[in-house]
Amino acid sequence: MRILFLISIFFMVGCQPKHEVEVFDEPISEISITKEESIEMHRMWVKDESYKIDRYIERHNWDAISTASGVRYYIYEKGNGISVEKDMLITVEFEVRLIDSDTTLCYTSDNNGEHTFLVGMDNVESGLHEAVKYLHVGDRAYIILPHFAAHGLLGDMNKIPPLSTVLYDIYVVDAKNR
């Protein structure tokens, strides 16, 4: 008897009319902004990003140095090797993280191996080219790249999202003239 009762309840609930989904026939209007508004939006984005970077540095008690372009670096272990200069071939060990709530790990030389690149020429972030010129072989440093000095508006199309601030933990293994 119970089974018959449960089956009848199931059919009554299952046969009730479904709620209709409301369909909108009006097209979504495009948002139109002027060039000046776009520039102002970007200016505000950069200002906000700079504020967040400064608070991150403050929370970690780093005595970071800011370059004219907005790249920040903090040498936490000083090496005694030669100074890195433009047109040198350098090898680094690294961790690349996002400055987000979890400082998400994106890339590491533990997985990808050491990375060698030509300072000022190779296809790495422009901010990284700038920052490594303040380092020496043996230095360990944190480098914070604002989105415009890292992967910009598009991200890297893999692990780094658009408009992301990037944190490098970098160790300069070697530097030599090419």
Protein backbone atom coordinates (compact mmCIF):
# COMPACT_ATOMS: atom_id res chain seq x y z
CA MET A 1 0.00 0.00 0.00
CA ARG A 2 2.84 2.37 0.84
CA ILE A 3 4.46 1.73 -2.53
CA LEU A 4 1.24 2.56 -4.35
CA PHE A 5 0.92 5.77 -2.35
CA LEU A 6 4.54 6.79 -3.15
CA ILE A 7 4.06 6.05 -6.84
CA SER A 8 0.89 8.17 -6.98
CA ILE A 9 2.69 11.11 -5.25
CA PHE A 10 5.58 10.74 -7.72
CA PHE A 11 3.19 10.99 -10.70
CA MET A 12 1.32 13.98 -9.26
CA VAL A 13 4.53 15.91 -8.63
CA GLY A 14 6.11 14.87 -11.92
CA CYS A 15 3.06 15.81 -14.02
CA GLN A 16 2.71 19.37 -12.81
CA PRO A 17 3.24 22.03 -15.49
CA LYS A 18 6.77 23.33 -15.78
CA HIS A 19 7.55 26.97 -15.23
CA GLU A 20 7.90 28.88 -18.45
CA VAL A 21 11.24 30.51 -19.18
CA GLU A 22 10.94 34.16 -20.06
CA VAL A 23 12.58 35.00 -23.37
CA PHE A 24 13.70 38.52 -24.13
CA ASP A 25 13.43 39.63 -27.72
CA GLU A 26 15.17 42.95 -27.18
CA PRO A 27 18.79 42.98 -28.36
CA ILE A 28 21.46 43.83 -25.82
CA SER A 29 22.74 47.29 -26.56
CA GLU A 30 26.47 47.77 -27.01
CA ILE A 31 28.36 49.81 -24.49
CA SER A 32 30.06 52.75 -26.09
CA ILE A 33 32.87 54.61 -24.38
CA THR A 34 35.09 57.36 -25.67
CA LYS A 35 38.84 57.15 -26.01
CA GLU A 36 39.20 59.53 -23.07
CA GLU A 37 36.94 57.37 -20.89
CA SER A 38 38.96 54.30 -21.84
CA ILE A 39 42.22 56.04 -20.94
CA GLU A 40 40.77 57.18 -17.61
CA MET A 41 39.54 53.64 -16.85
CA HIS A 42 43.02 52.27 -17.51
CA ARG A 43 44.61 55.00 -15.41
CA MET A 44 42.32 54.09 -12.51
CA TRP A 45 43.06 50.35 -12.99
CA VAL A 46 46.82 51.02 -12.82
CA LYS A 47 46.41 53.23 -9.75
CA ASP A 48 44.36 50.52 -7.99
CA GLU A 49 46.85 47.83 -8.97
CA SER A 50 49.75 49.94 -7.66
CA TYR A 51 47.91 50.42 -4.37
CA LYS A 52 47.35 46.65 -4.03
CA ILE A 53 51.02 45.93 -4.81
CA ASP A 54 52.14 48.43 -2.18
CA ARG A 55 49.83 46.85 0.43
CA TYR A 56 51.19 43.38 -0.46
CA ILE A 57 54.76 44.60 0.04
CA GLU A 58 53.77 46.28 3.30
CA ARG A 59 52.11 43.11 4.65
CA HIS A 60 55.30 41.15 3.95
CA ASN A 61 57.60 43.82 5.44
CA TRP A 62 59.76 43.99 2.34
CA ASP A 63 62.04 46.93 1.73
CA ALA A 64 61.20 46.81 -1.96
CA ILE A 65 62.47 49.26 -4.55
CA SER A 66 60.11 50.66 -7.17
CA THR A 67 61.40 51.50 -10.63
CA ALA A 68 60.07 54.37 -12.73
CA SER A 69 57.89 51.94 -14.67
CA GLY A 70 56.23 50.52 -11.54
CA VAL A 71 58.16 47.24 -11.31
CA ARG A 72 59.09 46.42 -7.70
CA TYR A 73 61.94 44.24 -6.56
CA TYR A 74 63.28 43.12 -3.19
CA ILE A 75 66.62 41.32 -2.89
CA TYR A 76 66.24 39.03 0.10
CA GLU A 77 69.57 37.21 -0.32
CA LYS A 78 72.54 39.05 -1.76
CA GLY A 79 74.87 37.17 -4.08
CA ASN A 80 78.49 38.05 -4.75
CA GLY A 81 78.63 37.45 -8.49
CA ILE A 82 78.83 39.82 -11.42
CA SER A 83 76.13 42.37 -12.16
CA VAL A 84 73.51 41.45 -14.76
CA GLU A 85 73.53 43.76 -17.79
CA LYS A 86 71.71 44.11 -21.08
CA ASP A 87 72.77 41.62 -23.77
CA MET A 88 73.97 39.08 -21.20
CA LEU A 89 72.77 35.51 -21.32
CA ILE A 90 71.42 34.71 -17.85
CA THR A 91 70.13 31.54 -16.24
CA VAL A 92 67.56 31.71 -13.48
CA GLU A 93 65.61 29.45 -11.18
CA PHE A 94 62.13 30.80 -10.54
CA GLU A 95 58.63 30.57 -9.21
CA VAL A 96 55.90 32.60 -10.88
CA ARG A 97 52.83 33.34 -8.79
CA LEU A 98 49.78 35.53 -9.07
CA ILE A 99 49.25 38.20 -6.48
CA ASP A 100 45.78 37.02 -5.60
CA SER A 101 44.21 35.80 -2.38
CA ASP A 102 46.13 32.51 -2.59
CA THR A 103 49.30 33.68 -4.38
CA THR A 104 48.53 30.95 -6.89
CA LEU A 105 51.60 29.13 -8.21
CA CYS A 106 51.64 29.24 -12.01
CA TYR A 107 55.10 28.12 -13.08
CA THR A 108 58.25 26.89 -11.39
CA SER A 109 61.72 25.88 -12.49
CA ASP A 110 61.26 22.78 -10.32
CA ASN A 111 58.82 21.58 -13.01
CA ASN A 112 60.10 23.45 -16.07
CA GLY A 113 63.85 23.52 -15.37
CA GLU A 114 66.11 26.55 -15.19
CA HIS A 115 65.38 29.25 -17.74
CA THR A 116 68.08 30.95 -19.81
CA PHE A 117 67.37 34.15 -21.71
CA LEU A 118 69.10 37.10 -23.32
CA VAL A 119 68.51 40.23 -21.24
CA GLY A 120 66.73 42.90 -23.24
CA MET A 121 66.05 40.66 -26.24
CA ASP A 122 64.26 37.38 -25.51
CA ASN A 123 60.55 36.72 -25.29
CA VAL A 124 60.03 37.13 -21.55
CA GLU A 125 58.04 39.78 -19.72
CA SER A 126 59.35 43.33 -20.25
CA GLY A 127 59.30 43.91 -16.50
CA LEU A 128 61.54 40.90 -15.95
CA HIS A 129 64.10 42.27 -18.43
CA GLU A 130 64.06 45.52 -16.48
CA ALA A 131 64.27 44.02 -12.99
CA VAL A 132 67.08 41.51 -13.56
CA LYS A 133 69.40 44.39 -14.52
CA TYR A 134 69.34 45.38 -10.82
CA LEU A 135 70.55 41.93 -9.76
CA HIS A 136 73.85 40.05 -9.50
CA VAL A 137 74.69 36.38 -9.94
CA GLY A 138 73.73 34.65 -6.71
CA ASP A 139 70.98 37.13 -5.81
CA ARG A 140 67.60 35.86 -4.71
CA ALA A 141 64.84 38.40 -5.16
CA TYR A 142 61.12 38.93 -5.31
CA ILE A 143 60.05 40.83 -8.40
CA ILE A 144 56.51 42.15 -8.72
CA LEU A 145 55.35 42.96 -12.23
CA PRO A 146 52.19 45.02 -12.76
CA HIS A 147 49.99 43.60 -15.53
CA PHE A 148 51.36 46.02 -18.14
CA ALA A 149 54.94 44.83 -17.47
CA ALA A 150 53.91 41.18 -17.31
CA HIS A 151 51.29 39.56 -19.57
CA GLY A 152 49.03 42.56 -20.11
CA LEU A 153 45.41 42.56 -21.20
CA LEU A 154 45.33 38.95 -22.40
CA GLY A 155 47.37 37.04 -19.86
CA ASP A 156 49.53 34.22 -21.18
CA MET A 157 46.56 32.22 -22.54
CA ASN A 158 47.46 29.42 -20.15
CA LYS A 159 47.85 29.86 -16.38
CA ILE A 160 48.06 33.64 -16.03
CA PRO A 161 44.70 35.40 -16.48
CA PRO A 162 44.23 38.79 -18.16
CA LEU A 163 45.29 41.90 -16.24
CA SER A 164 47.19 39.89 -13.61
CA THR A 165 49.91 41.15 -11.30
CA VAL A 166 52.74 38.62 -11.26
CA LEU A 167 55.21 37.79 -8.47
CA TYR A 168 58.56 36.24 -9.38
CA ASP A 169 60.73 34.56 -6.77
CA ILE A 170 63.96 34.44 -8.71
CA TYR A 171 67.49 33.16 -8.19
CA VAL A 172 70.18 34.29 -10.65
CA VAL A 173 72.25 31.16 -11.28
CA ASP A 174 74.60 32.48 -13.95
CA ALA A 175 75.24 35.45 -16.25
CA LYS A 176 77.71 35.71 -19.09
CA ASN A 177 78.39 37.87 -22.11
CA ARG A 178 77.22 36.20 -25.27
